[in-house]
Each structure stands twice: as C-alpha cells, then as structure tokens.
Amino acid sequence: MHGFELLNWVRHTSDEQLILEEGALYPALHRMESRGWLDAKWAISDKGRRAKYYRVTPEGRRALARAQQGWMDYVHAVAQVMAGGSAS
C-alpha cells in the first residue's frame, strides 16, 4: 500500500476509532524503512499519481511479532490493574 491507502485502511479496519495523521504516519514509515522493516518503491497509483508503495520485509515481520507480544503484555497488565489485580 501507499501511505494514503494505509491511512484509510487503519481508519476503516478500526471502525473509525484510530485516525492517523499524515504528520505522524510518514515519519514513522521513513523510520521503519531506514531500520530495514519496510521496502519502498515509487509507482503510479490507481488515480494516476506518483506514490511510494511500502512492503513489510522479513525483519519487519520479526519486529512486528515482538511489538505485538509487547502490546499484549501491556494490555494484560492494564487489565489486571483495572480489575484490581484479579485479571487472569
């Protein structure tokens, strides 16, 4: 996907609960690209405009798996706190 497609995908997939701003997305994409987590290529979009398309690399998939586990650990910890320590 290109950046604008990503913005719309996140919005749609989250039922409008997550709204990414371009000013946050594009610097994040550039950081991920510089870390080797994304490959990017310029191409022409469906609307005939030049757009940078991103693809997750194998290293990016490994980084995503680590981040997902970290997020799940965080969610579990918050659930425990919200339940007064009784969440399993």
Protein backbone atom coordinates (compact mmCIF):
# COMPACT_ATOMS: atom_id res chain seq x y z
CA MET A 1 0.00 0.00 0.00
CA HIS A 2 0.99 3.60 -0.31
CA GLY A 3 0.73 6.00 2.61
CA PHE A 4 -2.74 7.36 1.88
CA GLU A 5 -4.08 3.81 1.47
CA LEU A 6 -2.58 2.96 4.87
CA LEU A 7 -4.33 5.92 6.50
CA ASN A 8 -7.66 4.80 5.10
CA TRP A 9 -7.05 1.12 5.89
CA VAL A 10 -6.34 1.85 9.56
CA ARG A 11 -9.39 4.09 9.82
CA HIS A 12 -11.67 1.53 8.17
CA THR A 13 -10.20 -1.52 9.98
CA SER A 14 -10.56 0.15 13.38
CA ASP A 15 -14.17 1.18 12.71
CA GLU A 16 -13.10 4.83 12.71
CA GLN A 17 -11.55 4.50 16.20
CA LEU A 18 -7.94 5.08 15.08
CA ILE A 19 -7.34 8.14 12.95
CA LEU A 20 -3.73 8.54 11.87
CA GLU A 21 -2.49 11.95 10.82
CA GLU A 22 -0.21 12.24 7.82
CA GLY A 23 2.27 14.12 10.00
CA ALA A 24 2.60 11.04 12.21
CA LEU A 25 2.39 8.32 9.56
CA TYR A 26 5.01 9.45 7.08
CA PRO A 27 7.84 9.98 9.60
CA ALA A 28 7.02 6.54 11.05
CA LEU A 29 7.15 4.95 7.59
CA HIS A 30 10.52 6.60 6.93
CA ARG A 31 11.89 5.35 10.28
CA MET A 32 10.68 1.82 9.56
CA GLU A 33 12.22 1.97 6.10
CA SER A 34 15.57 3.17 7.49
CA ARG A 35 15.52 0.32 10.04
CA GLY A 36 15.01 -2.21 7.26
CA TRP A 37 11.48 -3.09 8.33
CA LEU A 38 9.92 -1.82 5.08
CA ASP A 39 10.90 -1.83 1.43
CA ALA A 40 9.56 1.06 -0.62
CA LYS A 41 9.19 1.65 -4.34
CA TRP A 42 7.78 4.52 -6.34
CA ALA A 43 4.95 3.68 -8.74
CA ILE A 44 1.81 5.18 -10.22
CA SER A 45 -1.33 4.92 -8.07
CA ASP A 46 -4.79 3.94 -9.30
CA LYS A 47 -5.52 7.66 -9.59
CA GLY A 48 -2.57 8.19 -11.91
CA ARG A 49 -0.37 9.89 -9.32
CA ARG A 50 3.15 9.01 -8.32
CA ALA A 51 3.10 7.25 -4.93
CA LYS A 52 5.55 5.43 -2.71
CA TYR A 53 4.41 1.86 -2.05
CA TYR A 54 5.54 0.03 1.08
CA ARG A 55 6.06 -3.67 1.75
CA VAL A 56 7.00 -5.30 5.06
CA THR A 57 10.36 -7.07 5.00
CA PRO A 58 11.17 -10.31 6.85
CA GLU A 59 12.98 -8.22 9.51
CA GLY A 60 9.87 -6.03 9.70
CA ARG A 61 7.72 -9.11 10.32
CA ARG A 62 10.02 -10.14 13.17
CA ALA A 63 9.87 -6.62 14.64
CA LEU A 64 6.07 -6.69 14.33
CA ALA A 65 5.88 -10.02 16.17
CA ARG A 66 8.00 -8.57 19.01
CA ALA A 67 5.84 -5.44 19.16
CA GLN A 68 2.63 -7.48 19.16
CA GLN A 69 3.85 -9.55 22.11
CA GLY A 70 4.89 -6.41 23.97
CA TRP A 71 1.49 -4.85 23.32
CA MET A 72 -0.37 -7.97 24.52
CA ASP A 73 1.74 -7.98 27.70
CA TYR A 74 0.88 -4.31 28.23
CA VAL A 75 -2.84 -4.88 27.65
CA HIS A 76 -2.80 -7.76 30.12
CA ALA A 77 -1.06 -5.62 32.74
CA VAL A 78 -3.58 -2.79 32.31
CA ALA A 79 -6.47 -5.30 32.54
CA GLN A 80 -5.02 -6.57 35.82
CA VAL A 81 -4.82 -3.06 37.22
CA MET A 82 -8.34 -2.18 36.05
CA ALA A 83 -9.68 -5.36 37.65
CA GLY A 84 -7.94 -4.59 40.91
CA GLY A 85 -5.40 -7.33 40.42
CA SER A 86 -7.88 -10.14 39.78
CA ALA A 87 -7.50 -10.49 35.97
CA SER A 88 -6.16 -13.86 34.84
